[in-house]
Amino acid sequence: MEDTPTTLWALERDGHALACTVKLVSYGIEISLAQDGEAVVTRVFETGEEALAWSAKKLSDREAAGWKTVSA
């Protein structure tokens, strides 16, 4: 069972893009961070609560480092 990834958030800074996606996999909930389309970090969590908390922390860290939300 593989799910289609859903983007939780997307940021940009200095011409670079950073996106966080989530998908349901047979062994848990997978969160990936990709910079300029290349996955740099992938983690698997047992619960959605753990996955979303980790994603929120990464978003907060990146925003503190000057990354800005991608405008629609």
N, C-alpha and C. Protein backbone atom coordinates (compact mmCIF):
# COMPACT_ATOMS: atom_id res chain seq x y z
N MET A 1 0.85 -1.18 0.00
CA MET A 1 0.00 0.00 0.00
C MET A 1 0.89 1.24 0.00
N GLU A 2 0.86 2.00 -1.06
CA GLU A 2 1.58 3.26 -1.17
C GLU A 2 0.57 4.37 -1.48
N ASP A 3 0.69 5.45 -0.80
CA ASP A 3 -0.19 6.60 -0.96
C ASP A 3 0.52 7.65 -1.81
N THR A 4 -0.24 8.52 -2.45
CA THR A 4 0.34 9.64 -3.18
C THR A 4 0.78 10.70 -2.17
N PRO A 5 2.00 11.23 -2.30
CA PRO A 5 2.46 12.24 -1.34
C PRO A 5 1.59 13.50 -1.37
N THR A 6 1.40 14.09 -0.20
CA THR A 6 0.69 15.35 -0.03
C THR A 6 1.67 16.37 0.52
N THR A 7 1.70 17.55 -0.06
CA THR A 7 2.61 18.61 0.42
C THR A 7 2.00 19.26 1.66
N LEU A 8 2.76 19.25 2.75
CA LEU A 8 2.33 19.90 3.98
C LEU A 8 2.69 21.38 3.97
N TRP A 9 3.88 21.68 3.49
CA TRP A 9 4.32 23.07 3.38
C TRP A 9 5.45 23.18 2.37
N ALA A 10 5.63 24.42 1.85
CA ALA A 10 6.69 24.71 0.90
C ALA A 10 7.27 26.07 1.22
N LEU A 11 8.58 26.16 1.19
CA LEU A 11 9.29 27.39 1.52
C LEU A 11 10.29 27.72 0.42
N GLU A 12 10.75 28.98 0.42
CA GLU A 12 11.79 29.38 -0.52
C GLU A 12 12.74 30.37 0.15
N ARG A 13 13.99 30.35 -0.33
CA ARG A 13 15.01 31.28 0.16
C ARG A 13 16.16 31.27 -0.83
N ASP A 14 16.62 32.46 -1.20
CA ASP A 14 17.80 32.61 -2.07
C ASP A 14 17.72 31.76 -3.34
N GLY A 15 16.54 31.69 -3.95
CA GLY A 15 16.38 30.94 -5.18
C GLY A 15 16.26 29.43 -5.01
N HIS A 16 16.16 28.96 -3.78
CA HIS A 16 16.03 27.53 -3.50
C HIS A 16 14.63 27.24 -2.95
N ALA A 17 14.15 26.04 -3.22
CA ALA A 17 12.83 25.61 -2.74
C ALA A 17 13.00 24.46 -1.76
N LEU A 18 12.17 24.44 -0.73
CA LEU A 18 12.16 23.37 0.25
C LEU A 18 10.71 22.96 0.47
N ALA A 19 10.43 21.68 0.38
CA ALA A 19 9.05 21.19 0.54
C ALA A 19 9.03 20.01 1.50
N CYS A 20 7.93 19.91 2.24
CA CYS A 20 7.70 18.81 3.16
C CYS A 20 6.47 18.06 2.67
N THR A 21 6.64 16.76 2.43
CA THR A 21 5.53 15.94 1.98
C THR A 21 5.29 14.80 2.96
N VAL A 22 4.07 14.29 2.94
CA VAL A 22 3.69 13.18 3.80
C VAL A 22 2.96 12.15 2.95
N LYS A 23 3.19 10.88 3.26
CA LYS A 23 2.41 9.82 2.61
C LYS A 23 2.29 8.63 3.54
N LEU A 24 1.21 7.91 3.34
CA LEU A 24 0.95 6.71 4.12
C LEU A 24 1.62 5.54 3.41
N VAL A 25 2.44 4.80 4.14
CA VAL A 25 3.12 3.62 3.60
C VAL A 25 2.75 2.43 4.49
N SER A 26 3.04 1.25 4.03
CA SER A 26 2.62 0.05 4.76
C SER A 26 3.24 -0.05 6.15
N TYR A 27 4.37 0.60 6.36
CA TYR A 27 5.08 0.50 7.64
C TYR A 27 4.95 1.76 8.49
N GLY A 28 4.07 2.71 8.10
CA GLY A 28 3.85 3.90 8.91
C GLY A 28 3.52 5.12 8.08
N ILE A 29 3.85 6.27 8.62
CA ILE A 29 3.61 7.55 7.95
C ILE A 29 4.97 8.15 7.64
N GLU A 30 5.21 8.38 6.36
CA GLU A 30 6.52 8.84 5.90
C GLU A 30 6.48 10.33 5.61
N ILE A 31 7.43 11.06 6.19
CA ILE A 31 7.58 12.48 5.96
C ILE A 31 8.92 12.68 5.25
N SER A 32 8.90 13.47 4.17
CA SER A 32 10.14 13.76 3.45
C SER A 32 10.32 15.26 3.30
N LEU A 33 11.56 15.70 3.45
CA LEU A 33 11.95 17.07 3.14
C LEU A 33 12.78 17.02 1.87
N ALA A 34 12.40 17.84 0.90
CA ALA A 34 13.13 17.87 -0.37
C ALA A 34 13.56 19.29 -0.67
N GLN A 35 14.84 19.46 -0.99
CA GLN A 35 15.35 20.77 -1.38
C GLN A 35 15.61 20.73 -2.87
N ASP A 36 15.01 21.67 -3.58
CA ASP A 36 15.13 21.76 -5.04
C ASP A 36 14.80 20.42 -5.70
N GLY A 37 13.78 19.74 -5.16
CA GLY A 37 13.29 18.49 -5.74
C GLY A 37 14.03 17.24 -5.33
N GLU A 38 15.11 17.36 -4.57
CA GLU A 38 15.90 16.20 -4.13
C GLU A 38 15.63 15.93 -2.64
N ALA A 39 15.20 14.72 -2.33
CA ALA A 39 14.95 14.36 -0.93
C ALA A 39 16.24 14.46 -0.13
N VAL A 40 16.19 15.17 0.99
CA VAL A 40 17.37 15.30 1.85
C VAL A 40 17.16 14.61 3.19
N VAL A 41 15.89 14.46 3.60
CA VAL A 41 15.57 13.78 4.85
C VAL A 41 14.26 13.03 4.66
N THR A 42 14.23 11.78 5.08
CA THR A 42 12.99 11.00 5.08
C THR A 42 12.92 10.28 6.42
N ARG A 43 11.77 10.42 7.09
CA ARG A 43 11.56 9.76 8.38
C ARG A 43 10.21 9.07 8.35
N VAL A 44 10.11 7.97 9.08
CA VAL A 44 8.86 7.23 9.19
C VAL A 44 8.41 7.25 10.65
N PHE A 45 7.13 7.49 10.85
CA PHE A 45 6.56 7.59 12.19
C PHE A 45 5.42 6.60 12.33
N GLU A 46 5.16 6.19 13.57
CA GLU A 46 4.07 5.25 13.83
C GLU A 46 2.71 5.93 13.81
N THR A 47 2.66 7.20 14.23
CA THR A 47 1.37 7.90 14.29
C THR A 47 1.42 9.21 13.52
N GLY A 48 0.25 9.64 13.10
CA GLY A 48 0.15 10.93 12.42
C GLY A 48 0.52 12.08 13.32
N GLU A 49 0.20 11.95 14.59
CA GLU A 49 0.52 12.99 15.57
C GLU A 49 2.04 13.21 15.65
N GLU A 50 2.80 12.13 15.71
CA GLU A 50 4.27 12.23 15.74
C GLU A 50 4.80 12.85 14.45
N ALA A 51 4.26 12.41 13.33
CA ALA A 51 4.71 12.91 12.03
C ALA A 51 4.45 14.40 11.89
N LEU A 52 3.25 14.84 12.25
CA LEU A 52 2.91 16.25 12.11
C LEU A 52 3.69 17.12 13.09
N ALA A 53 3.96 16.62 14.29
CA ALA A 53 4.76 17.38 15.26
C ALA A 53 6.18 17.58 14.73
N TRP A 54 6.76 16.53 14.15
CA TRP A 54 8.12 16.63 13.60
C TRP A 54 8.14 17.61 12.43
N SER A 55 7.13 17.54 11.56
CA SER A 55 7.03 18.45 10.42
C SER A 55 6.90 19.90 10.89
N ALA A 56 6.09 20.14 11.90
CA ALA A 56 5.89 21.49 12.43
C ALA A 56 7.19 22.04 13.02
N LYS A 57 7.96 21.20 13.67
CA LYS A 57 9.25 21.61 14.23
C LYS A 57 10.22 21.99 13.12
N LYS A 58 10.27 21.18 12.06
CA LYS A 58 11.15 21.48 10.92
C LYS A 58 10.73 22.78 10.24
N LEU A 59 9.43 23.01 10.10
CA LEU A 59 8.94 24.26 9.52
C LEU A 59 9.37 25.45 10.37
N SER A 60 9.18 25.35 11.66
CA SER A 60 9.56 26.42 12.57
C SER A 60 11.06 26.71 12.50
N ASP A 61 11.87 25.66 12.48
CA ASP A 61 13.32 25.81 12.38
C ASP A 61 13.72 26.53 11.10
N ARG A 62 13.10 26.15 9.97
CA ARG A 62 13.45 26.75 8.68
C ARG A 62 13.00 28.21 8.62
N GLU A 63 11.81 28.50 9.15
CA GLU A 63 11.34 29.88 9.15
C GLU A 63 12.25 30.76 10.00
N ALA A 64 12.73 30.23 11.12
CA ALA A 64 13.67 30.97 11.97
C ALA A 64 15.00 31.22 11.26
N ALA A 65 15.32 30.36 10.29
CA ALA A 65 16.57 30.52 9.52
C ALA A 65 16.37 31.40 8.29
N GLY A 66 15.17 31.98 8.13
CA GLY A 66 14.95 32.92 7.03
C GLY A 66 14.21 32.39 5.82
N TRP A 67 13.77 31.15 5.85
CA TRP A 67 12.96 30.60 4.76
C TRP A 67 11.57 31.24 4.83
N LYS A 68 10.98 31.52 3.67
CA LYS A 68 9.67 32.16 3.58
C LYS A 68 8.67 31.23 2.89
N THR A 69 7.41 31.33 3.28
CA THR A 69 6.35 30.53 2.68
C THR A 69 6.22 30.89 1.20
N VAL A 70 6.08 29.88 0.37
CA VAL A 70 5.89 30.08 -1.07
C VAL A 70 4.52 30.68 -1.27
N SER A 71 4.47 31.82 -2.01
CA SER A 71 3.17 32.44 -2.29
C SER A 71 2.45 31.69 -3.40
N ALA A 72 1.15 31.60 -3.24
CA ALA A 72 0.33 30.86 -4.21
C ALA A 72 0.11 31.64 -5.48
